[in-house]
Amino acid sequence: MAPTSLKIIILPLLLLAIPICLEAKPFKLKQTNIVFYMQEWESGANITSIPVAGIPKKPWATLAFGTIFAIDDALTESSDRKSAQVGRAQGIFVNTALDGTDLHLLMSLVFTNKEYNGSTLEIQGADRQFQKYREVSVVSGTGKFRFARGYATLETVYLDMPNANAILRWNVTVLSF
């Protein structure tokens, strides 16, 4: 008896769903490419990256395994530190390689420029910092980048190892709705 009553309920629901499905418009994905520069300053005036945890009784540094940094780096239009700001990279990175060569990034790219103001991209991935080019994942986004998926290619364009300062060129490609 239950199977017949179930059919009586399901059949009208299916008939109602057909016109809804026929009229539904699929979301259209759009591709966005953005290039900007991340200003990473661990020394000097206006520090934007600072170690917040590490292995006890060991130095906390970018090249030290286990060191965790909090960041609030400027994103700029060009490699010049004084160029127009387009946003901030806010989050953490952790040195996750025993030999100190790899970082793991977990950050939000928070855009403040006119076109993408208030929108964010969420970044996660391994930054093999001594390779010329490396990729990290764009795992999500908000605002103009809602439901974003994609990748970012990073290139170090300036590196001052003694002072732990760097400028990274980001070339980001995302698909979003």
Protein backbone atom coordinates (compact mmCIF):
# COMPACT_ATOMS: atom_id res chain seq x y z
CA MET A 1 0.00 0.00 0.00
CA ALA A 2 2.84 2.43 0.73
CA PRO A 3 4.37 2.19 -2.78
CA THR A 4 1.04 3.22 -4.45
CA SER A 5 0.49 6.21 -2.16
CA LEU A 6 4.09 7.25 -2.71
CA LYS A 7 3.53 7.19 -6.50
CA ILE A 8 0.42 9.37 -6.07
CA ILE A 9 2.51 12.00 -4.25
CA ILE A 10 5.65 11.86 -6.41
CA LEU A 11 3.99 11.96 -9.87
CA PRO A 12 2.32 15.39 -9.40
CA LEU A 13 5.53 16.79 -7.91
CA LEU A 14 7.50 15.65 -10.94
CA LEU A 15 4.91 17.17 -13.29
CA LEU A 16 5.19 20.48 -11.40
CA ALA A 17 8.99 20.39 -11.56
CA ILE A 18 9.19 20.04 -15.36
CA PRO A 19 8.06 23.60 -16.25
CA ILE A 20 10.27 25.05 -13.52
CA CYS A 21 13.32 23.24 -14.90
CA LEU A 22 12.50 24.30 -18.47
CA GLU A 23 12.31 27.97 -17.48
CA ALA A 24 15.37 28.00 -15.20
CA LYS A 25 18.26 29.92 -16.69
CA PRO A 26 21.71 28.52 -16.01
CA PHE A 27 24.23 30.78 -14.33
CA LYS A 28 26.85 32.03 -16.71
CA LEU A 29 30.45 31.74 -15.56
CA LYS A 30 32.71 34.69 -16.24
CA GLN A 31 36.49 34.58 -16.31
CA THR A 32 38.48 37.35 -14.65
CA ASN A 33 42.23 37.91 -14.90
CA ILE A 34 43.90 40.28 -12.43
CA VAL A 35 47.57 41.20 -11.99
CA PHE A 36 48.82 42.97 -8.86
CA TYR A 37 51.83 43.06 -6.54
CA MET A 38 51.94 41.96 -2.91
CA GLN A 39 54.23 44.03 -0.68
CA GLU A 40 55.64 41.74 2.06
CA TRP A 41 57.63 43.72 4.67
CA GLU A 42 59.00 42.01 7.78
CA SER A 43 61.42 44.81 8.68
CA GLY A 44 61.76 48.57 8.45
CA ALA A 45 58.90 51.05 8.60
CA ASN A 46 55.32 49.80 8.17
CA ILE A 47 55.86 46.08 8.86
CA THR A 48 53.06 44.01 7.28
CA SER A 49 54.12 40.49 8.27
CA ILE A 50 55.07 39.27 11.74
CA PRO A 51 55.85 35.86 13.26
CA VAL A 52 53.24 34.92 15.86
CA ALA A 53 54.24 31.34 16.74
CA GLY A 54 56.97 28.81 16.17
CA ILE A 55 58.98 25.99 17.66
CA PRO A 56 60.00 26.81 21.26
CA LYS A 57 63.69 27.74 21.72
CA LYS A 58 64.19 27.99 17.93
CA PRO A 59 64.33 31.20 15.90
CA TRP A 60 61.03 32.31 14.37
CA ALA A 61 61.78 33.26 10.77
CA THR A 62 60.45 32.86 7.23
CA LEU A 63 62.96 30.06 6.55
CA ALA A 64 62.37 28.28 9.88
CA PHE A 65 60.14 25.19 9.88
CA GLY A 66 57.00 25.62 11.99
CA THR A 67 56.96 29.41 12.06
CA ILE A 68 53.51 30.97 11.65
CA PHE A 69 53.16 34.53 10.35
CA ALA A 70 50.18 36.87 10.48
CA ILE A 71 50.03 39.15 7.44
CA ASP A 72 48.27 42.29 6.30
CA ASP A 73 50.17 43.01 3.07
CA ALA A 74 49.33 45.78 0.62
CA LEU A 75 48.26 44.75 -2.89
CA THR A 76 49.40 47.38 -5.38
CA GLU A 77 49.09 48.13 -9.10
CA SER A 78 52.84 47.97 -9.68
CA SER A 79 55.96 46.73 -7.92
CA ASP A 80 56.58 50.24 -6.56
CA ARG A 81 55.63 50.21 -2.88
CA LYS A 82 54.05 53.66 -3.31
CA SER A 83 51.84 52.72 -6.29
CA ALA A 84 48.05 52.73 -6.00
CA GLN A 85 46.69 50.15 -3.61
CA VAL A 86 44.06 47.72 -4.93
CA GLY A 87 43.56 45.72 -1.74
CA ARG A 88 45.10 43.82 1.16
CA ALA A 89 46.29 40.22 1.60
CA GLN A 90 45.17 39.26 5.10
CA GLY A 91 45.71 35.90 6.76
CA ILE A 92 48.54 33.59 7.70
CA PHE A 93 51.36 31.61 6.20
CA VAL A 94 53.22 28.75 7.81
CA ASN A 95 56.63 27.34 6.96
CA THR A 96 55.69 23.69 6.43
CA ALA A 97 58.92 22.21 5.03
CA LEU A 98 61.54 20.66 7.28
CA ASP A 99 64.24 22.29 5.14
CA GLY A 100 62.46 25.68 5.37
CA THR A 101 61.81 26.08 1.64
CA ASP A 102 58.01 25.84 1.45
CA LEU A 103 55.24 27.98 2.88
CA HIS A 104 51.55 27.18 3.14
CA LEU A 105 49.32 30.19 2.43
CA LEU A 106 45.87 30.75 3.93
CA MET A 107 44.68 34.25 3.12
CA SER A 108 41.93 36.51 1.93
CA LEU A 109 42.63 38.97 -0.85
CA VAL A 110 40.38 41.87 0.17
CA PHE A 111 39.92 44.30 -2.73
CA THR A 112 39.51 48.03 -2.10
CA ASN A 113 39.77 49.42 -5.64
CA LYS A 114 36.71 50.82 -7.40
CA GLU A 115 35.89 47.88 -9.68
CA TYR A 116 36.15 45.09 -7.06
CA ASN A 117 35.67 47.10 -3.84
CA GLY A 118 34.50 44.84 -1.01
CA SER A 119 35.00 41.62 -2.98
CA THR A 120 37.37 38.92 -1.75
CA LEU A 121 39.24 35.91 -3.05
CA GLU A 122 40.21 33.09 -0.69
CA ILE A 123 43.68 31.62 -1.30
CA GLN A 124 45.10 28.32 -0.13
CA GLY A 125 48.15 26.40 -1.22
CA ALA A 126 51.83 25.60 -1.14
CA ASP A 127 54.20 28.43 -1.98
CA ARG A 128 57.49 26.84 -2.97
CA GLN A 129 59.16 30.18 -2.43
CA PHE A 130 62.46 29.47 -4.21
CA GLN A 131 60.88 28.45 -7.52
CA LYS A 132 60.63 31.22 -10.11
CA TYR A 133 56.88 30.59 -10.65
CA ARG A 134 54.49 28.76 -8.37
CA GLU A 135 50.73 28.30 -8.18
CA VAL A 136 48.25 28.48 -5.36
CA SER A 137 44.53 27.77 -5.45
CA VAL A 138 41.67 30.23 -5.39
CA VAL A 139 39.12 28.24 -3.40
CA SER A 140 36.28 30.73 -2.99
CA GLY A 141 35.25 34.35 -3.19
CA THR A 142 32.64 36.95 -2.31
CA GLY A 143 31.04 39.96 -3.96
CA LYS A 144 32.02 40.14 -7.65
CA PHE A 145 33.86 36.84 -7.13
CA ARG A 146 31.02 34.86 -5.58
CA PHE A 147 31.67 31.09 -5.85
CA ALA A 148 35.08 31.77 -7.42
CA ARG A 149 37.39 28.93 -8.39
CA GLY A 150 40.76 29.32 -10.00
CA TYR A 151 44.46 29.72 -9.50
CA ALA A 152 47.13 32.34 -8.97
CA THR A 153 50.66 32.27 -10.34
CA LEU A 154 53.18 33.92 -8.03
CA GLU A 155 56.56 35.31 -9.04
CA THR A 156 59.07 36.95 -6.72
CA VAL A 157 60.16 40.23 -8.33
CA TYR A 158 62.11 41.58 -5.34
CA LEU A 159 63.75 39.70 -2.49
CA ASP A 160 65.80 41.10 0.38
CA MET A 161 66.62 37.95 2.37
CA PRO A 162 68.64 39.60 5.18
CA ASN A 163 65.64 41.78 6.06
CA ALA A 164 62.96 39.26 4.97
CA ASN A 165 61.25 41.72 2.62
CA ALA A 166 59.76 40.71 -0.72
CA ILE A 167 57.49 41.83 -3.54
CA LEU A 168 55.46 39.15 -5.29
CA ARG A 169 53.71 39.52 -8.65
CA TRP A 170 50.31 37.80 -8.61
CA ASN A 171 48.62 36.77 -11.84
CA VAL A 172 45.15 35.55 -10.83
CA THR A 173 42.65 33.72 -13.06
CA VAL A 174 39.21 32.93 -11.64
CA LEU A 175 35.83 31.73 -12.82
CA SER A 176 32.87 33.10 -10.90
CA PHE A 177 29.16 33.88 -11.30
